[in-house]
Amino acid sequence: MQISPDVIRGHTDSIILSRLITGDSYGYDIGKSIRRLSDGYIDLKEATLYTAFRRMEADGLIISYWGEQEGGARRRYYRITEKGRKAYCAYIEEWKSTKTILDRIFMIGGDQNA
């Protein structure tokens, strides 16, 4: 079972930034690590990833550069910027607040008699 794209849509940037916070990477590897870490529940399609990369680069959250691989293949790598790091921290705080509120509304771990 995959998570609905509607649920993921508002978190695409924060998901991508979470992969770049630990180091530079390229599109295919970012997508693969997201699938692996989510046990396959989140599968960002190539078009979604590259649209997000373009938007995030235009917003100054990431930068891209061409890197050489063994065998001469070139890949476009992405690096998080300082602005991207600040945005990521803000996304995490927003997520924590949202999760707390939704847990309360869904009566998960809270006062179920409220």
PDB file of N, CA and C in Angstrom:
ATOM      1  N   MET A   1       0.845  -1.190   0.000  1.00  0.00           N
ATOM      2  CA  MET A   1       0.000   0.000   0.000  1.00  0.00           C
ATOM      3  C   MET A   1       0.881   1.240   0.000  1.00  0.00           C
ATOM      4  N   GLN A   2       0.619   2.144  -0.918  1.00  0.00           N
ATOM      5  CA  GLN A   2       1.347   3.412  -0.947  1.00  0.00           C
ATOM      6  C   GLN A   2       0.521   4.474  -0.244  1.00  0.00           C
ATOM      7  N   ILE A   3       1.210   5.497   0.221  1.00  0.00           N
ATOM      8  CA  ILE A   3       0.528   6.636   0.826  1.00  0.00           C
ATOM      9  C   ILE A   3      -0.017   7.486  -0.320  1.00  0.00           C
ATOM     10  N   SER A   4      -1.221   7.981  -0.155  1.00  0.00           N
ATOM     11  CA  SER A   4      -1.881   8.773  -1.182  1.00  0.00           C
ATOM     12  C   SER A   4      -1.011   9.960  -1.610  1.00  0.00           C
ATOM     13  N   PRO A   5      -0.904  10.184  -2.921  1.00  0.00           N
ATOM     14  CA  PRO A   5      -0.158  11.358  -3.396  1.00  0.00           C
ATOM     15  C   PRO A   5      -0.696  12.668  -2.812  1.00  0.00           C
ATOM     16  N   ASP A   6      -1.997  12.725  -2.514  1.00  0.00           N
ATOM     17  CA  ASP A   6      -2.567  13.931  -1.911  1.00  0.00           C
ATOM     18  C   ASP A   6      -1.968  14.203  -0.532  1.00  0.00           C
ATOM     19  N   VAL A   7      -1.672  13.148   0.201  1.00  0.00           N
ATOM     20  CA  VAL A   7      -1.074  13.303   1.531  1.00  0.00           C
ATOM     21  C   VAL A   7       0.380  13.742   1.401  1.00  0.00           C
ATOM     22  N   ILE A   8       1.085  13.188   0.446  1.00  0.00           N
ATOM     23  CA  ILE A   8       2.509  13.467   0.254  1.00  0.00           C
ATOM     24  C   ILE A   8       2.750  14.846  -0.357  1.00  0.00           C
ATOM     25  N   ARG A   9       1.851  15.294  -1.205  1.00  0.00           N
ATOM     26  CA  ARG A   9       2.054  16.503  -2.009  1.00  0.00           C
ATOM     27  C   ARG A   9       2.560  17.691  -1.189  1.00  0.00           C
ATOM     28  N   GLY A  10       2.013  17.933  -0.044  1.00  0.00           N
ATOM     29  CA  GLY A  10       2.431  19.075   0.764  1.00  0.00           C
ATOM     30  C   GLY A  10       3.751  18.882   1.482  1.00  0.00           C
ATOM     31  N   HIS A  11       4.328  17.695   1.375  1.00  0.00           N
ATOM     32  CA  HIS A  11       5.564  17.388   2.098  1.00  0.00           C
ATOM     33  C   HIS A  11       6.717  17.028   1.184  1.00  0.00           C
ATOM     34  N   THR A  12       6.533  17.165  -0.115  1.00  0.00           N
ATOM     35  CA  THR A  12       7.565  16.760  -1.070  1.00  0.00           C
ATOM     36  C   THR A  12       8.884  17.481  -0.813  1.00  0.00           C
ATOM     37  N   ASP A  13       8.837  18.799  -0.643  1.00  0.00           N
ATOM     38  CA  ASP A  13      10.074  19.549  -0.430  1.00  0.00           C
ATOM     39  C   ASP A  13      10.785  19.099   0.840  1.00  0.00           C
ATOM     40  N   SER A  14      10.040  18.945   1.924  1.00  0.00           N
ATOM     41  CA  SER A  14      10.679  18.547   3.180  1.00  0.00           C
ATOM     42  C   SER A  14      11.246  17.129   3.077  1.00  0.00           C
ATOM     43  N   ILE A  15      10.575  16.249   2.345  1.00  0.00           N
ATOM     44  CA  ILE A  15      11.080  14.887   2.152  1.00  0.00           C
ATOM     45  C   ILE A  15      12.398  14.927   1.379  1.00  0.00           C
ATOM     46  N   ILE A  16      12.444  15.701   0.312  1.00  0.00           N
ATOM     47  CA  ILE A  16      13.677  15.811  -0.479  1.00  0.00           C
ATOM     48  C   ILE A  16      14.793  16.447   0.343  1.00  0.00           C
ATOM     49  N   LEU A  17      14.479  17.525   1.044  1.00  0.00           N
ATOM     50  CA  LEU A  17      15.501  18.179   1.862  1.00  0.00           C
ATOM     51  C   LEU A  17      16.036  17.247   2.942  1.00  0.00           C
ATOM     52  N   SER A  18      15.175  16.359   3.444  1.00  0.00           N
ATOM     53  CA  SER A  18      15.625  15.412   4.475  1.00  0.00           C
ATOM     54  C   SER A  18      16.704  14.488   3.930  1.00  0.00           C
ATOM     55  N   ARG A  19      16.676  14.209   2.644  1.00  0.00           N
ATOM     56  CA  ARG A  19      17.700  13.359   2.035  1.00  0.00           C
ATOM     57  C   ARG A  19      18.978  14.147   1.763  1.00  0.00           C
ATOM     58  N   LEU A  20      18.834  15.446   1.481  1.00  0.00           N
ATOM     59  CA  LEU A  20      19.999  16.271   1.164  1.00  0.00           C
ATOM     60  C   LEU A  20      20.684  16.835   2.404  1.00  0.00           C
ATOM     61  N   ILE A  21      20.010  16.818   3.534  1.00  0.00           N
ATOM     62  CA  ILE A  21      20.589  17.374   4.760  1.00  0.00           C
ATOM     63  C   ILE A  21      21.848  16.596   5.160  1.00  0.00           C
ATOM     64  N   THR A  22      21.928  15.327   4.741  1.00  0.00           N
ATOM     65  CA  THR A  22      23.072  14.495   5.106  1.00  0.00           C
ATOM     66  C   THR A  22      24.165  14.510   4.039  1.00  0.00           C
ATOM     67  N   GLY A  23      23.898  15.102   2.890  1.00  0.00           N
ATOM     68  CA  GLY A  23      24.919  15.178   1.845  1.00  0.00           C
ATOM     69  C   GLY A  23      24.321  15.295   0.464  1.00  0.00           C
ATOM     70  N   ASP A  24      25.147  15.690  -0.477  1.00  0.00           N
ATOM     71  CA  ASP A  24      24.718  15.856  -1.869  1.00  0.00           C
ATOM     72  C   ASP A  24      24.306  14.508  -2.448  1.00  0.00           C
ATOM     73  N   SER A  25      23.382  14.562  -3.389  1.00  0.00           N
ATOM     74  CA  SER A  25      22.936  13.342  -4.041  1.00  0.00           C
ATOM     75  C   SER A  25      22.317  13.691  -5.384  1.00  0.00           C
ATOM     76  N   TYR A  26      21.997  12.674  -6.160  1.00  0.00           N
ATOM     77  CA  TYR A  26      21.381  12.867  -7.463  1.00  0.00           C
ATOM     78  C   TYR A  26      19.965  12.302  -7.431  1.00  0.00           C
ATOM     79  N   GLY A  27      19.166  12.704  -8.405  1.00  0.00           N
ATOM     80  CA  GLY A  27      17.733  12.420  -8.410  1.00  0.00           C
ATOM     81  C   GLY A  27      17.348  10.972  -8.203  1.00  0.00           C
ATOM     82  N   TYR A  28      17.943  10.082  -8.985  1.00  0.00           N
ATOM     83  CA  TYR A  28      17.565   8.672  -8.880  1.00  0.00           C
ATOM     84  C   TYR A  28      17.859   8.140  -7.476  1.00  0.00           C
ATOM     85  N   ASP A  29      19.013   8.500  -6.929  1.00  0.00           N
ATOM     86  CA  ASP A  29      19.400   8.013  -5.603  1.00  0.00           C
ATOM     87  C   ASP A  29      18.485   8.582  -4.512  1.00  0.00           C
ATOM     88  N   ILE A  30      18.086   9.828  -4.668  1.00  0.00           N
ATOM     89  CA  ILE A  30      17.157  10.437  -3.704  1.00  0.00           C
ATOM     90  C   ILE A  30      15.838   9.683  -3.711  1.00  0.00           C
ATOM     91  N   GLY A  31      15.294   9.441  -4.893  1.00  0.00           N
ATOM     92  CA  GLY A  31      14.039   8.697  -5.006  1.00  0.00           C
ATOM     93  C   GLY A  31      14.147   7.298  -4.426  1.00  0.00           C
ATOM     94  N   LYS A  32      15.254   6.625  -4.728  1.00  0.00           N
ATOM     95  CA  LYS A  32      15.476   5.266  -4.235  1.00  0.00           C
ATOM     96  C   LYS A  32      15.580   5.248  -2.704  1.00  0.00           C
ATOM     97  N   SER A  33      16.274   6.226  -2.126  1.00  0.00           N
ATOM     98  CA  SER A  33      16.416   6.235  -0.662  1.00  0.00           C
ATOM     99  C   SER A  33      15.075   6.532   0.022  1.00  0.00           C
ATOM    100  N   ILE A  34      14.253   7.359  -0.588  1.00  0.00           N
ATOM    101  CA  ILE A  34      12.925   7.648  -0.033  1.00  0.00           C
ATOM    102  C   ILE A  34      12.066   6.379  -0.039  1.00  0.00           C
ATOM    103  N   ARG A  35      12.090   5.652  -1.163  1.00  0.00           N
ATOM    104  CA  ARG A  35      11.350   4.383  -1.229  1.00  0.00           C
ATOM    105  C   ARG A  35      11.855   3.400  -0.173  1.00  0.00           C
ATOM    106  N   ARG A  36      13.172   3.287  -0.056  1.00  0.00           N
ATOM    107  CA  ARG A  36      13.762   2.337   0.900  1.00  0.00           C
ATOM    108  C   ARG A  36      13.418   2.715   2.344  1.00  0.00           C
ATOM    109  N   LEU A  37      13.604   3.973   2.692  1.00  0.00           N
ATOM    110  CA  LEU A  37      13.360   4.406   4.072  1.00  0.00           C
ATOM    111  C   LEU A  37      11.886   4.348   4.459  1.00  0.00           C
ATOM    112  N   SER A  38      11.004   4.465   3.462  1.00  0.00           N
ATOM    113  CA  SER A  38       9.563   4.408   3.733  1.00  0.00           C
ATOM    114  C   SER A  38       9.004   3.001   3.519  1.00  0.00           C
ATOM    115  N   ASP A  39       9.880   2.031   3.351  1.00  0.00           N
ATOM    116  CA  ASP A  39       9.462   0.651   3.055  1.00  0.00           C
ATOM    117  C   ASP A  39       8.529   0.588   1.853  1.00  0.00           C
ATOM    118  N   GLY A  40       8.761   1.473   0.893  1.00  0.00           N
ATOM    119  CA  GLY A  40       7.980   1.474  -0.337  1.00  0.00           C
ATOM    120  C   GLY A  40       6.661   2.227  -0.265  1.00  0.00           C
ATOM    121  N   TYR A  41       6.337   2.782   0.889  1.00  0.00           N
ATOM    122  CA  TYR A  41       5.070   3.506   1.026  1.00  0.00           C
ATOM    123  C   TYR A  41       5.079   4.848   0.303  1.00  0.00           C
ATOM    124  N   ILE A  42       6.255   5.439   0.166  1.00  0.00           N
ATOM    125  CA  ILE A  42       6.366   6.709  -0.552  1.00  0.00           C
ATOM    126  C   ILE A  42       7.224   6.469  -1.777  1.00  0.00           C
ATOM    127  N   ASP A  43       6.623   6.693  -2.940  1.00  0.00           N
ATOM    128  CA  ASP A  43       7.326   6.516  -4.203  1.00  0.00           C
ATOM    129  C   ASP A  43       7.111   7.774  -5.029  1.00  0.00           C
ATOM    130  N   LEU A  44       8.059   8.712  -4.917  1.00  0.00           N
ATOM    131  CA  LEU A  44       7.950   9.948  -5.682  1.00  0.00           C
ATOM    132  C   LEU A  44       8.371   9.666  -7.118  1.00  0.00           C
ATOM    133  N   LYS A  45       7.472   9.883  -8.026  1.00  0.00           N
ATOM    134  CA  LYS A  45       7.744   9.628  -9.442  1.00  0.00           C
ATOM    135  C   LYS A  45       8.806  10.602  -9.945  1.00  0.00           C
ATOM    136  N   GLU A  46       9.482  10.192 -11.010  1.00  0.00           N
ATOM    137  CA  GLU A  46      10.562  11.004 -11.572  1.00  0.00           C
ATOM    138  C   GLU A  46      10.082  12.418 -11.905  1.00  0.00           C
ATOM    139  N   ALA A  47       8.928  12.532 -12.523  1.00  0.00           N
ATOM    140  CA  ALA A  47       8.406  13.853 -12.895  1.00  0.00           C
ATOM    141  C   ALA A  47       8.177  14.714 -11.656  1.00  0.00           C
ATOM    142  N   THR A  48       7.680  14.119 -10.587  1.00  0.00           N
ATOM    143  CA  THR A  48       7.452  14.852  -9.338  1.00  0.00           C
ATOM    144  C   THR A  48       8.768  15.325  -8.755  1.00  0.00           C
ATOM    145  N   LEU A  49       9.761  14.440  -8.725  1.00  0.00           N
ATOM    146  CA  LEU A  49      11.073  14.801  -8.183  1.00  0.00           C
ATOM    147  C   LEU A  49      11.690  15.960  -8.956  1.00  0.00           C
ATOM    148  N   TYR A  50      11.737  15.842 -10.272  1.00  0.00           N
ATOM    149  CA  TYR A  50      12.439  16.849 -11.056  1.00  0.00           C
ATOM    150  C   TYR A  50      11.679  18.173 -11.110  1.00  0.00           C
ATOM    151  N   THR A  51      10.376  18.131 -11.033  1.00  0.00           N
ATOM    152  CA  THR A  51       9.605  19.371 -10.907  1.00  0.00           C
ATOM    153  C   THR A  51       9.932  20.037  -9.578  1.00  0.00           C
ATOM    154  N   ALA A  52       9.995  19.245  -8.518  1.00  0.00           N
ATOM    155  CA  ALA A  52      10.337  19.781  -7.194  1.00  0.00           C
ATOM    156  C   ALA A  52      11.758  20.327  -7.190  1.00  0.00           C
ATOM    157  N   PHE A  53      12.710  19.618  -7.816  1.00  0.00           N
ATOM    158  CA  PHE A  53      14.087  20.108  -7.867  1.00  0.00           C
ATOM    159  C   PHE A  53      14.153  21.477  -8.537  1.00  0.00           C
ATOM    160  N   ARG A  54      13.462  21.639  -9.659  1.00  0.00           N
ATOM    161  CA  ARG A  54      13.479  22.930 -10.372  1.00  0.00           C
ATOM    162  C   ARG A  54      12.882  24.035  -9.503  1.00  0.00           C
ATOM    163  N   ARG A  55      11.752  23.752  -8.868  1.00  0.00           N
ATOM    164  CA  ARG A  55      11.096  24.743  -8.022  1.00  0.00           C
ATOM    165  C   ARG A  55      11.979  25.107  -6.824  1.00  0.00           C
ATOM    166  N   MET A  56      12.550  24.085  -6.183  1.00  0.00           N
ATOM    167  CA  MET A  56      13.374  24.320  -5.004  1.00  0.00           C
ATOM    168  C   MET A  56      14.662  25.070  -5.358  1.00  0.00           C
ATOM    169  N   GLU A  57      15.196  24.792  -6.540  1.00  0.00           N
ATOM    170  CA  GLU A  57      16.392  25.522  -6.972  1.00  0.00           C
ATOM    171  C   GLU A  57      16.035  26.982  -7.254  1.00  0.00           C
ATOM    172  N   ALA A  58      14.906  27.222  -7.901  1.00  0.00           N
ATOM    173  CA  ALA A  58      14.457  28.590  -8.163  1.00  0.00           C
ATOM    174  C   ALA A  58      14.201  29.348  -6.863  1.00  0.00           C
ATOM    175  N   ASP A  59      13.773  28.632  -5.821  1.00  0.00           N
ATOM    176  CA  ASP A  59      13.511  29.248  -4.518  1.00  0.00           C
ATOM    177  C   ASP A  59      14.769  29.395  -3.664  1.00  0.00           C
ATOM    178  N   GLY A  60      15.894  28.879  -4.159  1.00  0.00           N
ATOM    179  CA  GLY A  60      17.154  29.009  -3.429  1.00  0.00           C
ATOM    180  C   GLY A  60      17.339  28.001  -2.308  1.00  0.00           C
ATOM    181  N   LEU A  61      16.519  26.931  -2.295  1.00  0.00           N
ATOM    182  CA  LEU A  61      16.637  25.916  -1.245  1.00  0.00           C
ATOM    183  C   LEU A  61      17.725  24.893  -1.554  1.00  0.00           C
ATOM    184  N   ILE A  62      17.984  24.688  -2.844  1.00  0.00           N
ATOM    185  CA  ILE A  62      19.016  23.750  -3.279  1.00  0.00           C
ATOM    186  C   ILE A  62      19.773  24.371  -4.452  1.00  0.00           C
ATOM    187  N   ILE A  63      20.946  23.824  -4.720  1.00  0.00           N
ATOM    188  CA  ILE A  63      21.670  24.152  -5.943  1.00  0.00           C
ATOM    189  C   ILE A  63      21.998  22.836  -6.629  1.00  0.00           C
ATOM    190  N   SER A  64      22.228  22.891  -7.931  1.00  0.00           N
ATOM    191  CA  SER A  64      22.584  21.678  -8.664  1.00  0.00           C
ATOM    192  C   SER A  64      23.908  21.887  -9.373  1.00  0.00           C
ATOM    193  N   TYR A  65      24.574  20.784  -9.643  1.00  0.00           N
ATOM    194  CA  TYR A  65      25.831  20.813 -10.384  1.00  0.00           C
ATOM    195  C   TYR A  65      26.019  19.452 -11.060  1.00  0.00           C
ATOM    196  N   TRP A  66      26.824  19.448 -12.091  1.00  0.00           N
ATOM    197  CA  TRP A  66      27.109  18.207 -12.807  1.00  0.00           C
ATOM    198  C   TRP A  66      28.297  17.523 -12.158  1.00  0.00           C
ATOM    199  N   GLY A  67      28.148  16.225 -11.927  1.00  0.00           N
ATOM    200  CA  GLY A  67      29.224  15.428 -11.356  1.00  0.00           C
ATOM    201  C   GLY A  67      29.552  14.270 -12.269  1.00  0.00           C
ATOM    202  N   GLU A  68      30.796  13.872 -12.258  1.00  0.00           N
ATOM    203  CA  GLU A  68      31.255  12.731 -13.071  1.00  0.00           C
ATOM    204  C   GLU A  68      31.168  11.451 -12.254  1.00  0.00           C
ATOM    205  N   GLN A  69      30.793  10.400 -12.898  1.00  0.00           N
ATOM    206  CA  GLN A  69      30.737   9.076 -12.278  1.00  0.00           C
ATOM    207  C   GLN A  69      31.752   8.179 -12.953  1.00  0.00           C
ATOM    208  N   GLU A  70      32.040   7.056 -12.322  1.00  0.00           N
ATOM    209  CA  GLU A  70      32.907   6.060 -12.949  1.00  0.00           C
ATOM    210  C   GLU A  70      32.302   5.666 -14.289  1.00  0.00           C
ATOM    211  N   GLY A  71      33.149   5.496 -15.266  1.00  0.00           N
ATOM    212  CA  GLY A  71      32.665   5.137 -16.589  1.00  0.00           C
ATOM    213  C   GLY A  71      32.292   6.351 -17.418  1.00  0.00           C
ATOM    214  N   GLY A  72      32.499   7.552 -16.869  1.00  0.00           N
ATOM    215  CA  GLY A  72      32.275   8.770 -17.631  1.00  0.00           C
ATOM    216  C   GLY A  72      30.847   9.292 -17.647  1.00  0.00           C
ATOM    217  N   ALA A  73      29.917   8.613 -16.977  1.00  0.00           N
ATOM    218  CA  ALA A  73      28.528   9.085 -16.950  1.00  0.00           C
ATOM    219  C   ALA A  73      28.445  10.378 -16.139  1.00  0.00           C
ATOM    220  N   ARG A  74      27.624  11.299 -16.597  1.00  0.00           N
ATOM    221  CA  ARG A  74      27.416  12.556 -15.862  1.00  0.00           C
ATOM    222  C   ARG A  74      26.061  12.516 -15.186  1.00  0.00           C
ATOM    223  N   ARG A  75      26.033  12.998 -13.954  1.00  0.00           N
ATOM    224  CA  ARG A  75      24.777  13.093 -13.211  1.00  0.00           C
ATOM    225  C   ARG A  75      24.655  14.485 -12.635  1.00  0.00           C
ATOM    226  N   ARG A  76      23.397  14.934 -12.543  1.00  0.00           N
ATOM    227  CA  ARG A  76      23.144  16.217 -11.901  1.00  0.00           C
ATOM    228  C   ARG A  76      22.950  15.946 -10.417  1.00  0.00           C
ATOM    229  N   TYR A  77      23.808  16.554  -9.633  1.00  0.00           N
ATOM    230  CA  TYR A  77      23.737  16.421  -8.182  1.00  0.00           C
ATOM    231  C   TYR A  77      23.056  17.641  -7.589  1.00  0.00           C
ATOM    232  N   TYR A  78      22.489  17.434  -6.414  1.00  0.00           N
ATOM    233  CA  TYR A  78      21.796  18.503  -5.703  1.00  0.00           C
ATOM    234  C   TYR A  78      22.419  18.668  -4.329  1.00  0.00           C
ATOM    235  N   ARG A  79      22.515  19.925  -3.905  1.00  0.00           N
ATOM    236  CA  ARG A  79      23.074  20.272  -2.600  1.00  0.00           C
ATOM    237  C   ARG A  79      22.119  21.244  -1.911  1.00  0.00           C
ATOM    238  N   ILE A  80      21.886  21.010  -0.638  1.00  0.00           N
ATOM    239  CA  ILE A  80      21.037  21.904   0.133  1.00  0.00           C
ATOM    240  C   ILE A  80      21.812  23.189   0.436  1.00  0.00           C
ATOM    241  N   THR A  81      21.143  24.318   0.382  1.00  0.00           N
ATOM    242  CA  THR A  81      21.754  25.608   0.706  1.00  0.00           C
ATOM    243  C   THR A  81      21.460  25.950   2.164  1.00  0.00           C
ATOM    244  N   GLU A  82      22.047  27.026   2.634  1.00  0.00           N
ATOM    245  CA  GLU A  82      21.757  27.475   4.002  1.00  0.00           C
ATOM    246  C   GLU A  82      20.267  27.830   4.129  1.00  0.00           C
ATOM    247  N   LYS A  83      19.720  28.465   3.104  1.00  0.00           N
ATOM    248  CA  LYS A  83      18.283  28.771   3.097  1.00  0.00           C
ATOM    249  C   LYS A  83      17.471  27.479   3.150  1.00  0.00           C
ATOM    250  N   GLY A  84      17.925  26.452   2.442  1.00  0.00           N
ATOM    251  CA  GLY A  84      17.256  25.155   2.460  1.00  0.00           C
ATOM    252  C   GLY A  84      17.321  24.502   3.832  1.00  0.00           C
ATOM    253  N   ARG A  85      18.464  24.641   4.518  1.00  0.00           N
ATOM    254  CA  ARG A  85      18.596  24.089   5.875  1.00  0.00           C
ATOM    255  C   ARG A  85      17.611  24.770   6.836  1.00  0.00           C
ATOM    256  N   LYS A  86      17.492  26.078   6.707  1.00  0.00           N
ATOM    257  CA  LYS A  86      16.549  26.816   7.557  1.00  0.00           C
ATOM    258  C   LYS A  86      15.114  26.410   7.239  1.00  0.00           C
ATOM    259  N   ALA A  87      14.809  26.255   5.957  1.00  0.00           N
ATOM    260  CA  ALA A  87      13.464  25.831   5.553  1.00  0.00           C
ATOM    261  C   ALA A  87      13.174  24.433   6.080  1.00  0.00           C
ATOM    262  N   TYR A  88      14.165  23.539   6.002  1.00  0.00           N
ATOM    263  CA  TYR A  88      13.988  22.176   6.503  1.00  0.00           C
ATOM    264  C   TYR A  88      13.663  22.189   7.997  1.00  0.00           C
ATOM    265  N   CYS A  89      14.396  22.974   8.769  1.00  0.00           N
ATOM    266  CA  CYS A  89      14.127  23.070  10.209  1.00  0.00           C
ATOM    267  C   CYS A  89      12.723  23.603  10.460  1.00  0.00           C
ATOM    268  N   ALA A  90      12.305  24.590   9.668  1.00  0.00           N
ATOM    269  CA  ALA A  90      10.950  25.137   9.811  1.00  0.00           C
ATOM    270  C   ALA A  90       9.909  24.080   9.440  1.00  0.00           C
ATOM    271  N   TYR A  91      10.164  23.296   8.383  1.00  0.00           N
ATOM    272  CA  TYR A  91       9.241  22.225   7.994  1.00  0.00           C
ATOM    273  C   TYR A  91       9.097  21.202   9.114  1.00  0.00           C
ATOM    274  N   ILE A  92      10.205  20.863   9.758  1.00  0.00           N
ATOM    275  CA  ILE A  92      10.168  19.873  10.839  1.00  0.00           C
ATOM    276  C   ILE A  92       9.331  20.396  12.007  1.00  0.00           C
ATOM    277  N   GLU A  93       9.533  21.639  12.374  1.00  0.00           N
ATOM    278  CA  GLU A  93       8.736  22.224  13.470  1.00  0.00           C
ATOM    279  C   GLU A  93       7.255  22.278  13.101  1.00  0.00           C
ATOM    280  N   GLU A  94       6.969  22.651  11.854  1.00  0.00           N
ATOM    281  CA  GLU A  94       5.580  22.689  11.390  1.00  0.00           C
ATOM    282  C   GLU A  94       4.971  21.283  11.440  1.00  0.00           C
ATOM    283  N   TRP A  95       5.745  20.270  11.022  1.00  0.00           N
ATOM    284  CA  TRP A  95       5.262  18.889  11.039  1.00  0.00           C
ATOM    285  C   TRP A  95       4.963  18.440  12.468  1.00  0.00           C
ATOM    286  N   LYS A  96       5.850  18.744  13.396  1.00  0.00           N
ATOM    287  CA  LYS A  96       5.635  18.346  14.787  1.00  0.00           C
ATOM    288  C   LYS A  96       4.345  18.953  15.337  1.00  0.00           C
ATOM    289  N   SER A  97       4.139  20.234  15.059  1.00  0.00           N
ATOM    290  CA  SER A  97       2.916  20.892  15.523  1.00  0.00           C
ATOM    291  C   SER A  97       1.681  20.281  14.866  1.00  0.00           C
ATOM    292  N   THR A  98       1.758  20.062  13.571  1.00  0.00           N
ATOM    293  CA  THR A  98       0.634  19.472  12.842  1.00  0.00           C
ATOM    294  C   THR A  98       0.318  18.083  13.367  1.00  0.00           C
ATOM    295  N   LYS A  99       1.346  17.277  13.572  1.00  0.00           N
ATOM    296  CA  LYS A  99       1.152  15.917  14.074  1.00  0.00           C
ATOM    297  C   LYS A  99       0.507  15.936  15.459  1.00  0.00           C
ATOM    298  N   THR A 100       0.957  16.828  16.328  1.00  0.00           N
ATOM    299  CA  THR A 100       0.371  16.934  17.668  1.00  0.00           C
ATOM    300  C   THR A 100      -1.117  17.256  17.586  1.00  0.00           C
ATOM    301  N   ILE A 101      -1.457  18.212  16.739  1.00  0.00           N
ATOM    302  CA  ILE A 101      -2.860  18.614  16.599  1.00  0.00           C
ATOM    303  C   ILE A 101      -3.695  17.478  16.004  1.00  0.00           C
ATOM    304  N   LEU A 102      -3.185  16.835  14.946  1.00  0.00           N
ATOM    305  CA  LEU A 102      -3.935  15.738  14.327  1.00  0.00           C
ATOM    306  C   LEU A 102      -4.063  14.544  15.258  1.00  0.00           C
ATOM    307  N   ASP A 103      -3.010  14.241  16.035  1.00  0.00           N
ATOM    308  CA  ASP A 103      -3.109  13.162  17.019  1.00  0.00           C
ATOM    309  C   ASP A 103      -4.237  13.448  18.002  1.00  0.00           C
ATOM    310  N   ARG A 104      -4.351  14.701  18.411  1.00  0.00           N
ATOM    311  CA  ARG A 104      -5.412  15.080  19.344  1.00  0.00           C
ATOM    312  C   ARG A 104      -6.787  14.940  18.685  1.00  0.00           C
ATOM    313  N   ILE A 105      -6.891  15.398  17.444  1.00  0.00           N
ATOM    314  CA  ILE A 105      -8.173  15.302  16.741  1.00  0.00           C
ATOM    315  C   ILE A 105      -8.548  13.842  16.497  1.00  0.00           C
ATOM    316  N   PHE A 106      -7.552  13.037  16.104  1.00  0.00           N
ATOM    317  CA  PHE A 106      -7.808  11.622  15.830  1.00  0.00           C
ATOM    318  C   PHE A 106      -7.849  10.788  17.094  1.00  0.00           C
ATOM    319  N   MET A 107      -7.646  11.447  18.239  1.00  0.00           N
ATOM    320  CA  MET A 107      -7.674  10.784  19.560  1.00  0.00           C
ATOM    321  C   MET A 107      -6.620   9.688  19.653  1.00  0.00           C
ATOM    322  N   ILE A 108      -5.410  10.007  19.221  1.00  0.00           N
ATOM    323  CA  ILE A 108      -4.300   9.058  19.321  1.00  0.00           C
ATOM    324  C   ILE A 108      -3.431   9.486  20.487  1.00  0.00           C
ATOM    325  N   GLY A 109      -3.418   8.707  21.517  1.00  0.00           N
ATOM    326  CA  GLY A 109      -2.572   8.982  22.661  1.00  0.00           C
ATOM    327  C   GLY A 109      -3.004  10.179  23.489  1.00  0.00           C
ATOM    328  N   GLY A 110      -4.178  10.674  23.258  1.00  0.00           N
ATOM    329  CA  GLY A 110      -4.657  11.826  24.010  1.00  0.00           C
ATOM    330  C   GLY A 110      -5.880  11.487  24.819  1.00  0.00           C
ATOM    331  N   ASP A 111      -6.534  12.511  25.319  1.00  0.00           N
ATOM    332  CA  ASP A 111      -7.747  12.326  26.111  1.00  0.00           C
ATOM    333  C   ASP A 111      -8.886  11.982  25.153  1.00  0.00           C
ATOM    334  N   GLN A 112      -9.310  10.748  25.173  1.00  0.00           N
ATOM    335  CA  GLN A 112     -10.330  10.287  24.241  1.00  0.00           C
ATOM    336  C   GLN A 112     -11.741  10.628  24.693  1.00  0.00           C
ATOM    337  N   ASN A 113     -11.855  11.242  25.850  1.00  0.00           N
ATOM    338  CA  ASN A 113     -13.175  11.642  26.356  1.00  0.00           C
ATOM    339  C   ASN A 113     -13.458  13.101  26.060  1.00  0.00           C
ATOM    340  N   ALA A 114     -12.511  13.787  25.423  1.00  0.00           N
ATOM    341  CA  ALA A 114     -12.666  15.225  25.207  1.00  0.00           C
ATOM    342  C   ALA A 114     -13.744  15.546  24.208  1.00  0.00           C
TER     343      ALA A 114
END
